[in-house]
Amino acid sequence: MTRCRDRGGAIPPLRVRQPEKGYRFSIDSVLLADFASAYCGRSVLDLGTGSGVVLLLLARRCDVLKTGVGVEIQRTLWEYACRNIRESGLGERLSAVLGDLRETVPGLSPRSFDLVVANPPYRKIGEGRRNPDPRKEIARHEVACTMADVFSAAGKYLAPRGRFAIVCPSARLPELFALGEAAGILPETIRFVHPHADEPANRVLVAGSRRKTAEQVVLPPLVVYAGRRRYHPEVEKIFTGFFRE
């Protein structure tokens, strides 16, 4: 296990460094950060943090966040996360750990995080074409971890009154419900994401908790595009709030 920290001062405008080739974060990470910010607490754990973008966005929006930790299995992406944390001036609040979420991560206490977030690999082994780039392969296919592994880790580290927020393909929602029940995390808030208003959802954002009596709420759908290569006003507002404030 390797951890990076840095002590910073004022927070400069957000810049996210990422590999020119290989895995790069997508709009899913931005939508997850926006969705999860409603549940942000003093401590946040990002399972499979990549270049750290979800943690960075949450820290900029949520003043209550005092300790954010990202776990990443790929050394190259972990190094980018460390650099992004350092250059964003958020080293007092954020850190990144090089480790495997399927194992016990040293330094992380069980049931201690107010919010756990995840943007896990979407495709099972054997689904779709395998990517020749091993970094993309790990990020997009369940090579280094499965969704079941992610839920198991979330169940391990989520505080009793905490929330777990995840983004995944809408087609895997029934599986997500089953995994959540097995991990003791029941879905409370659901929001479907549609590419265009006249198209079916292809992503879903879900927040859950350990509470057994919580009512399930389905939020109005989120539409990504209003036209050809033009974001819907709500999505444009999300990007503006995160990157241009």
Protein backbone atom coordinates (compact mmCIF):
# COMPACT_ATOMS: atom_id res chain seq x y z
CA MET A 1 0.00 0.00 0.00
CA THR A 2 1.33 3.42 -0.97
CA ARG A 3 -0.31 6.67 0.03
CA CYS A 4 0.25 10.21 -1.19
CA ARG A 5 -0.53 13.40 0.69
CA ASP A 6 0.35 17.01 0.25
CA ARG A 7 -0.31 20.10 2.30
CA GLY A 8 -1.83 22.86 0.24
CA GLY A 9 -3.06 26.42 0.61
CA ALA A 10 -5.73 28.25 -1.38
CA ILE A 11 -7.63 26.20 -3.96
CA PRO A 12 -6.71 27.26 -7.52
CA PRO A 13 -8.99 26.75 -10.56
CA LEU A 14 -9.54 23.06 -11.13
CA ARG A 15 -7.32 21.32 -13.65
CA VAL A 16 -7.41 17.55 -13.98
CA ARG A 17 -4.36 15.87 -15.46
CA GLN A 18 -4.88 12.46 -17.05
CA PRO A 19 -3.04 10.19 -19.48
CA GLU A 20 -2.94 11.26 -23.11
CA LYS A 21 -3.42 7.59 -23.95
CA GLY A 22 -5.20 4.98 -21.89
CA TYR A 23 -8.06 5.57 -19.46
CA ARG A 24 -9.54 9.08 -19.27
CA PHE A 25 -12.49 10.07 -17.11
CA SER A 26 -15.90 10.46 -18.74
CA ILE A 27 -19.08 12.42 -18.08
CA ASP A 28 -20.19 9.59 -15.78
CA SER A 29 -17.66 10.72 -13.18
CA VAL A 30 -18.97 14.28 -13.29
CA LEU A 31 -22.60 13.19 -13.01
CA LEU A 32 -21.72 10.88 -10.11
CA ALA A 33 -19.96 13.70 -8.25
CA ASP A 34 -22.96 15.98 -8.72
CA PHE A 35 -25.40 13.28 -7.58
CA ALA A 36 -23.29 12.19 -4.61
CA SER A 37 -22.68 15.76 -3.38
CA ALA A 38 -26.19 15.72 -1.87
CA TYR A 39 -24.97 13.05 0.57
CA CYS A 40 -21.49 14.38 1.28
CA GLY A 41 -20.21 14.16 4.84
CA ARG A 42 -16.94 14.75 6.67
CA SER A 43 -15.33 11.62 5.21
CA VAL A 44 -15.53 10.25 1.66
CA LEU A 45 -14.08 7.10 0.11
CA ASP A 46 -13.79 6.72 -3.68
CA LEU A 47 -13.44 3.08 -4.76
CA GLY A 48 -11.42 2.99 -7.99
CA THR A 49 -10.57 6.68 -8.01
CA GLY A 50 -8.68 6.75 -11.33
CA SER A 51 -7.14 10.21 -11.69
CA GLY A 52 -9.10 11.39 -8.66
CA VAL A 53 -11.69 13.49 -10.47
CA VAL A 54 -14.73 12.51 -8.36
CA LEU A 55 -12.90 13.31 -5.11
CA LEU A 56 -11.64 16.60 -6.52
CA LEU A 57 -15.12 17.68 -7.59
CA LEU A 58 -16.70 16.70 -4.28
CA ALA A 59 -14.04 18.55 -2.30
CA ARG A 60 -14.60 21.73 -4.30
CA ARG A 61 -18.37 21.64 -3.80
CA CYS A 62 -18.64 20.27 -0.24
CA ASP A 63 -17.03 22.37 2.47
CA VAL A 64 -18.09 19.77 5.03
CA LEU A 65 -15.72 17.22 3.46
CA LYS A 66 -12.62 17.09 5.64
CA THR A 67 -11.11 13.71 4.72
CA GLY A 68 -11.36 12.18 1.26
CA VAL A 69 -9.50 9.00 0.24
CA GLY A 70 -9.30 7.46 -3.21
CA VAL A 71 -8.26 3.82 -3.73
CA GLU A 72 -6.72 2.95 -7.10
CA ILE A 73 -5.14 -0.31 -8.27
CA GLN A 74 -3.31 1.08 -11.34
CA ARG A 75 -0.05 2.80 -10.46
CA THR A 76 -0.13 5.23 -13.39
CA LEU A 77 -3.61 6.48 -12.51
CA TRP A 78 -2.71 6.64 -8.82
CA GLU A 79 0.24 8.87 -9.71
CA TYR A 80 -2.09 11.16 -11.67
CA ALA A 81 -4.48 11.27 -8.71
CA CYS A 82 -1.64 12.26 -6.38
CA ARG A 83 -0.52 15.00 -8.75
CA ASN A 84 -4.05 16.31 -9.24
CA ILE A 85 -4.61 16.47 -5.49
CA ARG A 86 -1.33 18.30 -5.00
CA GLU A 87 -1.81 20.79 -7.84
CA SER A 88 -5.43 21.50 -6.87
CA GLY A 89 -4.39 22.67 -3.42
CA LEU A 90 -6.54 20.03 -1.74
CA GLY A 91 -3.82 18.00 -0.08
CA GLU A 92 -5.01 18.95 3.41
CA ARG A 93 -8.28 17.15 2.75
CA LEU A 94 -7.61 14.49 0.12
CA SER A 95 -5.24 11.58 -0.37
CA ALA A 96 -4.88 8.65 -2.77
CA VAL A 97 -3.95 5.08 -1.91
CA LEU A 98 -2.37 2.56 -4.28
CA GLY A 99 -4.19 -0.62 -3.36
CA ASP A 100 -6.70 -3.32 -4.23
CA LEU A 101 -10.24 -2.72 -3.01
CA ARG A 102 -10.80 -6.49 -2.94
CA GLU A 103 -8.35 -6.68 -0.05
CA THR A 104 -8.24 -4.89 3.28
CA VAL A 105 -6.65 -1.52 2.56
CA PRO A 106 -4.20 -0.52 5.32
CA GLY A 107 -5.08 2.77 6.98
CA LEU A 108 -8.82 2.54 6.26
CA SER A 109 -11.04 1.81 9.25
CA PRO A 110 -14.14 -0.33 8.70
CA ARG A 111 -17.54 1.41 8.80
CA SER A 112 -15.93 4.85 9.07
CA PHE A 113 -16.86 6.77 5.90
CA ASP A 114 -19.91 9.02 5.67
CA LEU A 115 -20.00 8.67 1.89
CA VAL A 116 -18.61 5.95 -0.37
CA VAL A 117 -18.69 6.51 -4.14
CA ALA A 118 -17.89 4.27 -7.10
CA ASN A 119 -17.82 4.44 -10.88
CA PRO A 120 -16.94 0.77 -11.41
CA PRO A 121 -16.04 -1.16 -14.58
CA TYR A 122 -19.26 -1.62 -16.53
CA ARG A 123 -18.67 -4.73 -18.60
CA LYS A 124 -18.35 -8.30 -17.43
CA ILE A 125 -15.58 -10.48 -18.80
CA GLY A 126 -16.66 -11.73 -22.22
CA GLU A 127 -19.06 -8.85 -22.90
CA GLY A 128 -18.11 -6.61 -25.81
CA ARG A 129 -14.73 -6.33 -27.44
CA ARG A 130 -11.69 -6.55 -25.21
CA ASN A 131 -9.56 -3.43 -25.24
CA PRO A 132 -5.93 -3.96 -26.30
CA ASP A 133 -4.85 -1.24 -23.85
CA PRO A 134 -4.59 -2.98 -20.44
CA ARG A 135 -5.29 0.28 -18.60
CA LYS A 136 -8.58 0.76 -20.43
CA GLU A 137 -9.33 -2.93 -20.07
CA ILE A 138 -9.09 -2.72 -16.27
CA ALA A 139 -11.17 0.47 -16.14
CA ARG A 140 -13.96 -0.78 -18.41
CA HIS A 141 -14.12 -4.54 -17.86
CA GLU A 142 -14.35 -6.52 -14.62
CA VAL A 143 -10.74 -7.64 -14.80
CA ALA A 144 -9.40 -6.30 -11.49
CA CYS A 145 -12.74 -6.13 -9.68
CA THR A 146 -16.41 -6.93 -10.20
CA MET A 147 -19.45 -4.97 -9.15
CA ALA A 148 -19.86 -7.53 -6.37
CA ASP A 149 -16.35 -6.64 -5.16
CA VAL A 150 -17.28 -2.96 -5.16
CA PHE A 151 -20.41 -3.56 -3.08
CA SER A 152 -18.45 -5.77 -0.68
CA ALA A 153 -15.89 -2.99 -0.16
CA ALA A 154 -18.63 -0.39 0.25
CA GLY A 155 -20.30 -2.57 2.87
CA LYS A 156 -16.98 -2.87 4.69
CA TYR A 157 -16.17 0.85 4.88
CA LEU A 158 -19.56 2.59 4.95
CA ALA A 159 -20.48 4.17 8.29
CA PRO A 160 -23.75 3.05 9.93
CA ARG A 161 -25.52 6.26 8.87
CA GLY A 162 -23.54 6.78 5.68
CA ARG A 163 -24.53 6.70 2.01
CA PHE A 164 -23.15 4.75 -0.93
CA ALA A 165 -23.50 6.37 -4.38
CA ILE A 166 -22.77 4.55 -7.63
CA VAL A 167 -23.22 5.02 -11.38
CA CYS A 168 -23.67 2.01 -13.64
CA PRO A 169 -25.44 0.88 -16.83
CA SER A 170 -29.20 0.94 -16.33
CA ALA A 171 -29.39 -2.65 -17.61
CA ARG A 172 -27.51 -3.79 -14.49
CA LEU A 173 -29.95 -2.20 -12.04
CA PRO A 174 -31.56 -5.52 -11.00
CA GLU A 175 -28.08 -6.91 -10.28
CA LEU A 176 -27.24 -3.77 -8.33
CA PHE A 177 -30.32 -4.27 -6.14
CA ALA A 178 -29.33 -7.86 -5.40
CA LEU A 179 -25.74 -6.95 -4.59
CA GLY A 180 -26.87 -4.10 -2.38
CA GLU A 181 -29.12 -6.40 -0.39
CA ALA A 182 -26.26 -8.88 0.05
CA ALA A 183 -23.98 -6.10 1.29
CA GLY A 184 -26.62 -4.63 3.60
CA ILE A 185 -26.98 -1.47 1.50
CA LEU A 186 -30.51 -0.77 0.30
CA PRO A 187 -31.23 1.68 -2.55
CA GLU A 188 -32.96 4.89 -1.49
CA THR A 189 -32.59 7.32 -4.38
CA ILE A 190 -32.54 6.44 -8.07
CA ARG A 191 -32.04 8.68 -11.10
CA PHE A 192 -32.02 7.40 -14.65
CA VAL A 193 -29.71 9.07 -17.18
CA HIS A 194 -30.88 9.36 -20.80
CA PRO A 195 -28.60 10.34 -23.72
CA HIS A 196 -31.50 12.28 -25.32
CA ALA A 197 -35.05 12.93 -24.13
CA ASP A 198 -36.51 10.53 -26.69
CA GLU A 199 -34.05 7.70 -25.95
CA PRO A 200 -34.13 5.08 -23.20
CA ALA A 201 -31.85 5.42 -20.20
CA ASN A 202 -28.38 3.92 -20.55
CA ARG A 203 -27.03 4.87 -17.11
CA VAL A 204 -28.46 5.03 -13.63
CA LEU A 205 -27.34 6.85 -10.49
CA VAL A 206 -28.21 5.13 -7.23
CA ALA A 207 -27.69 6.12 -3.60
CA GLY A 208 -28.28 3.68 -0.77
CA SER A 209 -27.75 3.23 2.94
CA ARG A 210 -27.93 0.66 5.72
CA ARG A 211 -31.31 1.94 6.87
CA LYS A 212 -33.97 -0.76 6.57
CA THR A 213 -36.99 1.55 6.66
CA ALA A 214 -36.00 4.23 4.14
CA GLU A 215 -38.47 5.01 1.37
CA GLN A 216 -37.28 4.59 -2.20
CA VAL A 217 -37.41 7.76 -4.31
CA VAL A 218 -37.07 7.94 -8.10
CA LEU A 219 -35.90 11.40 -9.15
CA PRO A 220 -36.85 13.02 -12.47
CA PRO A 221 -34.69 11.67 -15.31
CA LEU A 222 -31.46 13.42 -16.25
CA VAL A 223 -31.09 14.11 -19.97
CA VAL A 224 -27.51 14.58 -21.17
CA TYR A 225 -27.91 16.12 -24.63
CA ALA A 226 -30.36 18.73 -25.91
CA GLY A 227 -29.17 18.39 -29.49
CA ARG A 228 -26.25 17.29 -31.57
CA ARG A 229 -23.12 17.75 -29.45
CA ARG A 230 -24.93 20.20 -27.18
CA TYR A 231 -25.45 19.46 -23.52
CA HIS A 232 -28.85 19.77 -21.92
CA PRO A 233 -29.03 22.97 -19.78
CA GLU A 234 -29.03 20.96 -16.53
CA VAL A 235 -25.86 19.09 -17.51
CA GLU A 236 -24.25 22.30 -18.75
CA LYS A 237 -24.98 23.85 -15.36
CA ILE A 238 -23.32 20.89 -13.63
CA PHE A 239 -20.14 21.33 -15.66
CA THR A 240 -20.15 25.09 -15.17
CA GLY A 241 -20.55 24.73 -11.42
CA PHE A 242 -17.66 22.30 -11.12
CA PHE A 243 -15.09 23.60 -13.60
CA ARG A 244 -15.75 27.32 -14.06
CA GLU A 245 -16.62 28.61 -10.63
